[in-house]
Amino acid sequence: ENPSIKQCYKEYLGAPLGEKSHHLLHTDQSKWEL
């Protein structure tokens, strides 16, 4: 319900769990190069 979070999704990330938000907000540690 946070207006700032809602605005961020509306203006930049798209839908929660959408392609862009998933790409930017999730990680796969098995692909990390250490």
PDB file of all heavy atoms in Angstrom:
ATOM      1  N   GLU A   1       0.816  -1.220   0.000  1.00  0.00           N
ATOM      2  CA  GLU A   1       0.000   0.000   0.000  1.00  0.00           C
ATOM      3  C   GLU A   1       0.849   1.270   0.000  1.00  0.00           C
ATOM      4  O   GLU A   1       0.308   2.367  -0.048  1.00  0.00           O
ATOM      5  CB  GLU A   1      -0.934   0.015   1.212  1.00  0.00           C
ATOM      6  CG  GLU A   1      -1.988  -1.070   1.165  1.00  0.00           C
ATOM      7  CD  GLU A   1      -2.893  -1.070   2.380  1.00  0.00           C
ATOM      8  OE1 GLU A   1      -2.596  -0.357   3.369  1.00  0.00           O
ATOM      9  OE2 GLU A   1      -3.899  -1.796   2.347  1.00  0.00           O
ATOM     10  N   ASN A   2       2.160   1.130   0.020  1.00  0.00           N
ATOM     11  CA  ASN A   2       3.053   2.287   0.077  1.00  0.00           C
ATOM     12  C   ASN A   2       2.976   3.066  -1.237  1.00  0.00           C
ATOM     13  O   ASN A   2       3.300   2.528  -2.304  1.00  0.00           O
ATOM     14  CB  ASN A   2       4.486   1.802   0.331  1.00  0.00           C
ATOM     15  CG  ASN A   2       5.459   2.927   0.511  1.00  0.00           C
ATOM     16  OD1 ASN A   2       5.474   3.871  -0.260  1.00  0.00           O
ATOM     17  ND2 ASN A   2       6.303   2.804   1.518  1.00  0.00           N
ATOM     18  N   PRO A   3       2.562   4.348  -1.188  1.00  0.00           N
ATOM     19  CA  PRO A   3       2.416   5.127  -2.423  1.00  0.00           C
ATOM     20  C   PRO A   3       3.712   5.232  -3.227  1.00  0.00           C
ATOM     21  O   PRO A   3       3.677   5.212  -4.458  1.00  0.00           O
ATOM     22  CB  PRO A   3       1.971   6.510  -1.933  1.00  0.00           C
ATOM     23  CG  PRO A   3       1.414   6.297  -0.579  1.00  0.00           C
ATOM     24  CD  PRO A   3       2.139   5.117  -0.016  1.00  0.00           C
ATOM     25  N   SER A   4       4.851   5.306  -2.563  1.00  0.00           N
ATOM     26  CA  SER A   4       6.126   5.394  -3.282  1.00  0.00           C
ATOM     27  C   SER A   4       6.427   4.103  -4.035  1.00  0.00           C
ATOM     28  O   SER A   4       6.915   4.134  -5.174  1.00  0.00           O
ATOM     29  CB  SER A   4       7.266   5.708  -2.314  1.00  0.00           C
ATOM     30  OG  SER A   4       7.073   6.966  -1.719  1.00  0.00           O
ATOM     31  N   ILE A   5       6.148   2.977  -3.421  1.00  0.00           N
ATOM     32  CA  ILE A   5       6.370   1.680  -4.074  1.00  0.00           C
ATOM     33  C   ILE A   5       5.400   1.521  -5.241  1.00  0.00           C
ATOM     34  O   ILE A   5       5.781   1.094  -6.336  1.00  0.00           O
ATOM     35  CB  ILE A   5       6.205   0.518  -3.066  1.00  0.00           C
ATOM     36  CG1 ILE A   5       7.223   0.631  -1.939  1.00  0.00           C
ATOM     37  CG2 ILE A   5       6.267  -0.832  -3.770  1.00  0.00           C
ATOM     38  CD1 ILE A   5       8.664   0.546  -2.381  1.00  0.00           C
ATOM     39  N   LYS A   6       4.149   1.884  -5.030  1.00  0.00           N
ATOM     40  CA  LYS A   6       3.159   1.797  -6.106  1.00  0.00           C
ATOM     41  C   LYS A   6       3.575   2.669  -7.299  1.00  0.00           C
ATOM     42  O   LYS A   6       3.463   2.256  -8.453  1.00  0.00           O
ATOM     43  CB  LYS A   6       1.789   2.228  -5.590  1.00  0.00           C
ATOM     44  CG  LYS A   6       1.173   1.229  -4.627  1.00  0.00           C
ATOM     45  CD  LYS A   6      -0.066   1.816  -3.997  1.00  0.00           C
ATOM     46  CE  LYS A   6      -1.265   1.022  -4.381  1.00  0.00           C
ATOM     47  NZ  LYS A   6      -2.498   1.491  -3.743  1.00  0.00           N
ATOM     48  N   GLN A   7       4.066   3.857  -7.016  1.00  0.00           N
ATOM     49  CA  GLN A   7       4.503   4.764  -8.079  1.00  0.00           C
ATOM     50  C   GLN A   7       5.709   4.198  -8.820  1.00  0.00           C
ATOM     51  O   GLN A   7       5.799   4.276 -10.042  1.00  0.00           O
ATOM     52  CB  GLN A   7       4.829   6.141  -7.507  1.00  0.00           C
ATOM     53  CG  GLN A   7       5.234   7.149  -8.562  1.00  0.00           C
ATOM     54  CD  GLN A   7       5.507   8.523  -7.969  1.00  0.00           C
ATOM     55  OE1 GLN A   7       5.395   8.743  -6.770  1.00  0.00           O
ATOM     56  NE2 GLN A   7       5.876   9.452  -8.823  1.00  0.00           N
ATOM     57  N   CYS A   8       6.636   3.616  -8.088  1.00  0.00           N
ATOM     58  CA  CYS A   8       7.824   3.017  -8.699  1.00  0.00           C
ATOM     59  C   CYS A   8       7.417   1.906  -9.671  1.00  0.00           C
ATOM     60  O   CYS A   8       7.938   1.821 -10.787  1.00  0.00           O
ATOM     61  CB  CYS A   8       8.751   2.480  -7.614  1.00  0.00           C
ATOM     62  SG  CYS A   8      10.281   1.772  -8.227  1.00  0.00           S
ATOM     63  N   TYR A   9       6.480   1.058  -9.268  1.00  0.00           N
ATOM     64  CA  TYR A   9       6.011   0.004 -10.168  1.00  0.00           C
ATOM     65  C   TYR A   9       5.290   0.607 -11.365  1.00  0.00           C
ATOM     66  O   TYR A   9       5.505   0.194 -12.501  1.00  0.00           O
ATOM     67  CB  TYR A   9       5.096  -0.981  -9.428  1.00  0.00           C
ATOM     68  CG  TYR A   9       5.866  -2.097  -8.783  1.00  0.00           C
ATOM     69  CD1 TYR A   9       6.219  -2.049  -7.439  1.00  0.00           C
ATOM     70  CD2 TYR A   9       6.268  -3.204  -9.524  1.00  0.00           C
ATOM     71  CE1 TYR A   9       6.946  -3.063  -6.860  1.00  0.00           C
ATOM     72  CE2 TYR A   9       6.990  -4.229  -8.957  1.00  0.00           C
ATOM     73  CZ  TYR A   9       7.328  -4.151  -7.618  1.00  0.00           C
ATOM     74  OH  TYR A   9       8.050  -5.155  -7.050  1.00  0.00           O
ATOM     75  N   LYS A  10       4.440   1.585 -11.120  1.00  0.00           N
ATOM     76  CA  LYS A  10       3.657   2.190 -12.201  1.00  0.00           C
ATOM     77  C   LYS A  10       4.551   2.870 -13.234  1.00  0.00           C
ATOM     78  O   LYS A  10       4.361   2.720 -14.439  1.00  0.00           O
ATOM     79  CB  LYS A  10       2.669   3.197 -11.622  1.00  0.00           C
ATOM     80  CG  LYS A  10       1.779   3.851 -12.651  1.00  0.00           C
ATOM     81  CD  LYS A  10       0.824   4.825 -11.995  1.00  0.00           C
ATOM     82  CE  LYS A  10      -0.017   5.509 -13.053  1.00  0.00           C
ATOM     83  NZ  LYS A  10      -0.922   6.495 -12.475  1.00  0.00           N
ATOM     84  N   GLU A  11       5.554   3.609 -12.754  1.00  0.00           N
ATOM     85  CA  GLU A  11       6.366   4.415 -13.660  1.00  0.00           C
ATOM     86  C   GLU A  11       7.614   3.713 -14.192  1.00  0.00           C
ATOM     87  O   GLU A  11       8.170   4.147 -15.190  1.00  0.00           O
ATOM     88  CB  GLU A  11       6.770   5.719 -12.958  1.00  0.00           C
ATOM     89  CG  GLU A  11       5.595   6.614 -12.653  1.00  0.00           C
ATOM     90  CD  GLU A  11       5.991   7.899 -11.948  1.00  0.00           C
ATOM     91  OE1 GLU A  11       7.205   8.161 -11.811  1.00  0.00           O
ATOM     92  OE2 GLU A  11       5.081   8.630 -11.536  1.00  0.00           O
ATOM     93  N   TYR A  12       8.053   2.648 -13.502  1.00  0.00           N
ATOM     94  CA  TYR A  12       9.326   2.068 -13.931  1.00  0.00           C
ATOM     95  C   TYR A  12       9.321   0.535 -13.985  1.00  0.00           C
ATOM     96  O   TYR A  12       9.697  -0.050 -14.996  1.00  0.00           O
ATOM     97  CB  TYR A  12      10.454   2.547 -13.007  1.00  0.00           C
ATOM     98  CG  TYR A  12      11.809   2.089 -13.478  1.00  0.00           C
ATOM     99  CD1 TYR A  12      12.380   2.594 -14.637  1.00  0.00           C
ATOM    100  CD2 TYR A  12      12.505   1.117 -12.781  1.00  0.00           C
ATOM    101  CE1 TYR A  12      13.615   2.163 -15.088  1.00  0.00           C
ATOM    102  CE2 TYR A  12      13.741   0.668 -13.220  1.00  0.00           C
ATOM    103  CZ  TYR A  12      14.284   1.194 -14.370  1.00  0.00           C
ATOM    104  OH  TYR A  12      15.501   0.754 -14.816  1.00  0.00           O
ATOM    105  N   LEU A  13       8.925  -0.114 -12.914  1.00  0.00           N
ATOM    106  CA  LEU A  13       9.090  -1.562 -12.836  1.00  0.00           C
ATOM    107  C   LEU A  13       8.007  -2.363 -13.552  1.00  0.00           C
ATOM    108  O   LEU A  13       8.210  -3.525 -13.879  1.00  0.00           O
ATOM    109  CB  LEU A  13       9.137  -2.001 -11.364  1.00  0.00           C
ATOM    110  CG  LEU A  13      10.365  -1.555 -10.586  1.00  0.00           C
ATOM    111  CD1 LEU A  13      10.198  -1.881  -9.110  1.00  0.00           C
ATOM    112  CD2 LEU A  13      11.622  -2.184 -11.140  1.00  0.00           C
ATOM    113  N   GLY A  14       6.848  -1.749 -13.789  1.00  0.00           N
ATOM    114  CA  GLY A  14       5.740  -2.504 -14.364  1.00  0.00           C
ATOM    115  C   GLY A  14       5.021  -3.258 -13.258  1.00  0.00           C
ATOM    116  O   GLY A  14       4.964  -2.812 -12.119  1.00  0.00           O
ATOM    117  N   ALA A  15       4.526  -4.420 -13.561  1.00  0.00           N
ATOM    118  CA  ALA A  15       3.749  -5.198 -12.596  1.00  0.00           C
ATOM    119  C   ALA A  15       4.660  -5.955 -11.634  1.00  0.00           C
ATOM    120  O   ALA A  15       5.727  -6.433 -12.035  1.00  0.00           O
ATOM    121  CB  ALA A  15       2.856  -6.187 -13.329  1.00  0.00           C
ATOM    122  N   PRO A  16       4.214  -6.096 -10.375  1.00  0.00           N
ATOM    123  CA  PRO A  16       4.952  -6.989  -9.469  1.00  0.00           C
ATOM    124  C   PRO A  16       5.029  -8.381 -10.094  1.00  0.00           C
ATOM    125  O   PRO A  16       4.060  -8.862 -10.683  1.00  0.00           O
ATOM    126  CB  PRO A  16       4.094  -6.997  -8.198  1.00  0.00           C
ATOM    127  CG  PRO A  16       3.358  -5.694  -8.238  1.00  0.00           C
ATOM    128  CD  PRO A  16       3.084  -5.451  -9.703  1.00  0.00           C
ATOM    129  N   LEU A  17       6.172  -8.989 -10.020  1.00  0.00           N
ATOM    130  CA  LEU A  17       6.472 -10.289 -10.612  1.00  0.00           C
ATOM    131  C   LEU A  17       6.499 -10.251 -12.136  1.00  0.00           C
ATOM    132  O   LEU A  17       6.596 -11.285 -12.787  1.00  0.00           O
ATOM    133  CB  LEU A  17       5.493 -11.378 -10.127  1.00  0.00           C
ATOM    134  CG  LEU A  17       5.411 -11.573  -8.614  1.00  0.00           C
ATOM    135  CD1 LEU A  17       4.352 -12.612  -8.274  1.00  0.00           C
ATOM    136  CD2 LEU A  17       6.747 -11.950  -8.024  1.00  0.00           C
ATOM    137  N   GLY A  18       6.418  -9.036 -12.694  1.00  0.00           N
ATOM    138  CA  GLY A  18       6.531  -8.892 -14.141  1.00  0.00           C
ATOM    139  C   GLY A  18       7.975  -9.080 -14.592  1.00  0.00           C
ATOM    140  O   GLY A  18       8.893  -9.204 -13.787  1.00  0.00           O
ATOM    141  N   GLU A  19       8.183  -9.082 -15.905  1.00  0.00           N
ATOM    142  CA  GLU A  19       9.512  -9.370 -16.450  1.00  0.00           C
ATOM    143  C   GLU A  19      10.574  -8.387 -15.950  1.00  0.00           C
ATOM    144  O   GLU A  19      11.633  -8.789 -15.485  1.00  0.00           O
ATOM    145  CB  GLU A  19       9.462  -9.357 -17.972  1.00  0.00           C
ATOM    146  CG  GLU A  19      10.782  -9.756 -18.594  1.00  0.00           C
ATOM    147  CD  GLU A  19      10.735  -9.786 -20.102  1.00  0.00           C
ATOM    148  OE1 GLU A  19       9.652  -9.870 -20.686  1.00  0.00           O
ATOM    149  OE2 GLU A  19      11.824  -9.728 -20.706  1.00  0.00           O
ATOM    150  N   LYS A  20      10.289  -7.081 -16.036  1.00  0.00           N
ATOM    151  CA  LYS A  20      11.289  -6.092 -15.645  1.00  0.00           C
ATOM    152  C   LYS A  20      11.559  -6.122 -14.141  1.00  0.00           C
ATOM    153  O   LYS A  20      12.710  -6.126 -13.707  1.00  0.00           O
ATOM    154  CB  LYS A  20      10.849  -4.687 -16.070  1.00  0.00           C
ATOM    155  CG  LYS A  20      11.927  -3.638 -15.878  1.00  0.00           C
ATOM    156  CD  LYS A  20      11.498  -2.326 -16.499  1.00  0.00           C
ATOM    157  CE  LYS A  20      12.636  -1.330 -16.527  1.00  0.00           C
ATOM    158  NZ  LYS A  20      12.237  -0.079 -17.186  1.00  0.00           N
ATOM    159  N   SER A  21      10.496  -6.172 -13.341  1.00  0.00           N
ATOM    160  CA  SER A  21      10.705  -6.196 -11.891  1.00  0.00           C
ATOM    161  C   SER A  21      11.404  -7.482 -11.469  1.00  0.00           C
ATOM    162  O   SER A  21      12.278  -7.469 -10.603  1.00  0.00           O
ATOM    163  CB  SER A  21       9.383  -6.012 -11.141  1.00  0.00           C
ATOM    164  OG  SER A  21       8.479  -7.061 -11.414  1.00  0.00           O
ATOM    165  N   HIS A  22      11.053  -8.583 -12.092  1.00  0.00           N
ATOM    166  CA  HIS A  22      11.707  -9.843 -11.749  1.00  0.00           C
ATOM    167  C   HIS A  22      13.197  -9.787 -12.095  1.00  0.00           C
ATOM    168  O   HIS A  22      14.037 -10.191 -11.297  1.00  0.00           O
ATOM    169  CB  HIS A  22      11.045 -11.017 -12.481  1.00  0.00           C
ATOM    170  CG  HIS A  22      11.636 -12.333 -12.123  1.00  0.00           C
ATOM    171  ND1 HIS A  22      11.295 -13.002 -10.968  1.00  0.00           N
ATOM    172  CD2 HIS A  22      12.566 -13.094 -12.744  1.00  0.00           C
ATOM    173  CE1 HIS A  22      11.996 -14.122 -10.902  1.00  0.00           C
ATOM    174  NE2 HIS A  22      12.771 -14.207 -11.966  1.00  0.00           N
ATOM    175  N   HIS A  23      13.506  -9.276 -13.266  1.00  0.00           N
ATOM    176  CA  HIS A  23      14.901  -9.184 -13.701  1.00  0.00           C
ATOM    177  C   HIS A  23      15.717  -8.288 -12.767  1.00  0.00           C
ATOM    178  O   HIS A  23      16.858  -8.613 -12.419  1.00  0.00           O
ATOM    179  CB  HIS A  23      14.967  -8.660 -15.133  1.00  0.00           C
ATOM    180  CG  HIS A  23      16.362  -8.398 -15.614  1.00  0.00           C
ATOM    181  ND1 HIS A  23      17.239  -9.416 -15.952  1.00  0.00           N
ATOM    182  CD2 HIS A  23      17.041  -7.245 -15.784  1.00  0.00           C
ATOM    183  CE1 HIS A  23      18.398  -8.884 -16.304  1.00  0.00           C
ATOM    184  NE2 HIS A  23      18.306  -7.581 -16.229  1.00  0.00           N
ATOM    185  N   LEU A  24      15.152  -7.174 -12.347  1.00  0.00           N
ATOM    186  CA  LEU A  24      15.896  -6.208 -11.541  1.00  0.00           C
ATOM    187  C   LEU A  24      15.902  -6.511 -10.041  1.00  0.00           C
ATOM    188  O   LEU A  24      16.837  -6.136  -9.345  1.00  0.00           O
ATOM    189  CB  LEU A  24      15.342  -4.798 -11.769  1.00  0.00           C
ATOM    190  CG  LEU A  24      15.549  -4.244 -13.178  1.00  0.00           C
ATOM    191  CD1 LEU A  24      14.787  -2.931 -13.346  1.00  0.00           C
ATOM    192  CD2 LEU A  24      17.029  -4.050 -13.461  1.00  0.00           C
ATOM    193  N   LEU A  25      14.879  -7.170  -9.546  1.00  0.00           N
ATOM    194  CA  LEU A  25      14.741  -7.334  -8.093  1.00  0.00           C
ATOM    195  C   LEU A  25      15.022  -8.743  -7.587  1.00  0.00           C
ATOM    196  O   LEU A  25      15.000  -8.979  -6.393  1.00  0.00           O
ATOM    197  CB  LEU A  25      13.327  -6.914  -7.655  1.00  0.00           C
ATOM    198  CG  LEU A  25      12.937  -5.474  -7.996  1.00  0.00           C
ATOM    199  CD1 LEU A  25      11.499  -5.213  -7.594  1.00  0.00           C
ATOM    200  CD2 LEU A  25      13.888  -4.489  -7.331  1.00  0.00           C
ATOM    201  N   HIS A  26      15.305  -9.667  -8.472  1.00  0.00           N
ATOM    202  CA  HIS A  26      15.597 -11.042  -8.052  1.00  0.00           C
ATOM    203  C   HIS A  26      16.997 -11.424  -8.492  1.00  0.00           C
ATOM    204  O   HIS A  26      17.525 -10.868  -9.444  1.00  0.00           O
ATOM    205  CB  HIS A  26      14.574 -12.014  -8.649  1.00  0.00           C
ATOM    206  CG  HIS A  26      13.197 -11.789  -8.136  1.00  0.00           C
ATOM    207  ND1 HIS A  26      12.357 -10.836  -8.657  1.00  0.00           N
ATOM    208  CD2 HIS A  26      12.521 -12.368  -7.133  1.00  0.00           C
ATOM    209  CE1 HIS A  26      11.212 -10.844  -8.007  1.00  0.00           C
ATOM    210  NE2 HIS A  26      11.283 -11.772  -7.068  1.00  0.00           N
ATOM    211  N   THR A  27      17.552 -12.389  -7.809  1.00  0.00           N
ATOM    212  CA  THR A  27      18.896 -12.840  -8.146  1.00  0.00           C
ATOM    213  C   THR A  27      18.951 -14.359  -8.143  1.00  0.00           C
ATOM    214  O   THR A  27      18.115 -15.021  -7.527  1.00  0.00           O
ATOM    215  CB  THR A  27      19.936 -12.266  -7.159  1.00  0.00           C
ATOM    216  OG1 THR A  27      21.239 -12.587  -7.633  1.00  0.00           O
ATOM    217  CG2 THR A  27      19.757 -12.803  -5.755  1.00  0.00           C
ATOM    218  N   ASP A  28      19.903 -14.875  -8.835  1.00  0.00           N
ATOM    219  CA  ASP A  28      20.157 -16.309  -8.853  1.00  0.00           C
ATOM    220  C   ASP A  28      21.606 -16.492  -8.425  1.00  0.00           C
ATOM    221  O   ASP A  28      22.523 -16.336  -9.233  1.00  0.00           O
ATOM    222  CB  ASP A  28      19.924 -16.873 -10.256  1.00  0.00           C
ATOM    223  CG  ASP A  28      20.177 -18.379 -10.324  1.00  0.00           C
ATOM    224  OD1 ASP A  28      20.689 -18.959  -9.335  1.00  0.00           O
ATOM    225  OD2 ASP A  28      19.877 -18.970 -11.368  1.00  0.00           O
ATOM    226  N   GLN A  29      21.799 -16.775  -7.154  1.00  0.00           N
ATOM    227  CA  GLN A  29      23.156 -16.835  -6.620  1.00  0.00           C
ATOM    228  C   GLN A  29      23.993 -17.927  -7.265  1.00  0.00           C
ATOM    229  O   GLN A  29      25.214 -17.868  -7.232  1.00  0.00           O
ATOM    230  CB  GLN A  29      23.156 -16.960  -5.094  1.00  0.00           C
ATOM    231  CG  GLN A  29      22.603 -18.251  -4.571  1.00  0.00           C
ATOM    232  CD  GLN A  29      21.095 -18.251  -4.401  1.00  0.00           C
ATOM    233  OE1 GLN A  29      20.400 -17.381  -4.896  1.00  0.00           O
ATOM    234  NE2 GLN A  29      20.579 -19.228  -3.695  1.00  0.00           N
ATOM    235  N   SER A  30      23.355 -18.902  -7.912  1.00  0.00           N
ATOM    236  CA  SER A  30      24.149 -19.943  -8.579  1.00  0.00           C
ATOM    237  C   SER A  30      24.892 -19.384  -9.792  1.00  0.00           C
ATOM    238  O   SER A  30      25.839 -19.991 -10.266  1.00  0.00           O
ATOM    239  CB  SER A  30      23.249 -21.111  -9.004  1.00  0.00           C
ATOM    240  OG  SER A  30      22.371 -20.713 -10.038  1.00  0.00           O
ATOM    241  N   LYS A  31      24.484 -18.214 -10.272  1.00  0.00           N
ATOM    242  CA  LYS A  31      25.142 -17.599 -11.423  1.00  0.00           C
ATOM    243  C   LYS A  31      26.166 -16.538 -11.027  1.00  0.00           C
ATOM    244  O   LYS A  31      26.795 -15.942 -11.881  1.00  0.00           O
ATOM    245  CB  LYS A  31      24.095 -16.982 -12.354  1.00  0.00           C
ATOM    246  CG  LYS A  31      23.194 -18.019 -12.976  1.00  0.00           C
ATOM    247  CD  LYS A  31      22.174 -17.388 -13.888  1.00  0.00           C
ATOM    248  CE  LYS A  31      21.274 -18.466 -14.473  1.00  0.00           C
ATOM    249  NZ  LYS A  31      20.223 -17.889 -15.306  1.00  0.00           N
ATOM    250  N   TRP A  32      26.302 -16.296  -9.746  1.00  0.00           N
ATOM    251  CA  TRP A  32      27.259 -15.280  -9.294  1.00  0.00           C
ATOM    252  C   TRP A  32      28.682 -15.736  -9.593  1.00  0.00           C
ATOM    253  O   TRP A  32      29.037 -16.899  -9.399  1.00  0.00           O
ATOM    254  CB  TRP A  32      27.153 -15.035  -7.805  1.00  0.00           C
ATOM    255  CG  TRP A  32      25.873 -14.387  -7.359  1.00  0.00           C
ATOM    256  CD1 TRP A  32      24.848 -13.930  -8.148  1.00  0.00           C
ATOM    257  CD2 TRP A  32      25.492 -14.145  -6.013  1.00  0.00           C
ATOM    258  NE1 TRP A  32      23.858 -13.404  -7.363  1.00  0.00           N
ATOM    259  CE2 TRP A  32      24.219 -13.526  -6.053  1.00  0.00           C
ATOM    260  CE3 TRP A  32      26.071 -14.378  -4.794  1.00  0.00           C
ATOM    261  CZ2 TRP A  32      23.537 -13.152  -4.914  1.00  0.00           C
ATOM    262  CZ3 TRP A  32      25.395 -14.010  -3.650  1.00  0.00           C
ATOM    263  CH2 TRP A  32      24.150 -13.388  -3.718  1.00  0.00           C
ATOM    264  N   GLU A  33      29.498 -14.822 -10.026  1.00  0.00           N
ATOM    265  CA  GLU A  33      30.912 -15.109 -10.190  1.00  0.00           C
ATOM    266  C   GLU A  33      31.647 -14.508  -9.006  1.00  0.00           C
ATOM    267  O   GLU A  33      31.655 -13.302  -8.809  1.00  0.00           O
ATOM    268  CB  GLU A  33      31.420 -14.488 -11.494  1.00  0.00           C
ATOM    269  CG  GLU A  33      30.895 -15.178 -12.730  1.00  0.00           C
ATOM    270  CD  GLU A  33      31.505 -14.635 -13.997  1.00  0.00           C
ATOM    271  OE1 GLU A  33      32.711 -14.278 -13.980  1.00  0.00           O
ATOM    272  OE2 GLU A  33      30.780 -14.558 -14.980  1.00  0.00           O
ATOM    273  N   LEU A  34      32.219 -15.370  -8.206  1.00  0.00           N
ATOM    274  CA  LEU A  34      32.928 -14.921  -7.011  1.00  0.00           C
ATOM    275  C   LEU A  34      34.425 -14.957  -7.287  1.00  0.00           C
ATOM    276  O   LEU A  34      34.930 -15.878  -7.918  1.00  0.00           O
ATOM    277  CB  LEU A  34      32.588 -15.804  -5.817  1.00  0.00           C
ATOM    278  CG  LEU A  34      31.103 -15.866  -5.461  1.00  0.00           C
ATOM    279  CD1 LEU A  34      30.882 -16.862  -4.330  1.00  0.00           C
ATOM    280  CD2 LEU A  34      30.603 -14.494  -5.044  1.00  0.00           C
TER     281      LEU A  34
END
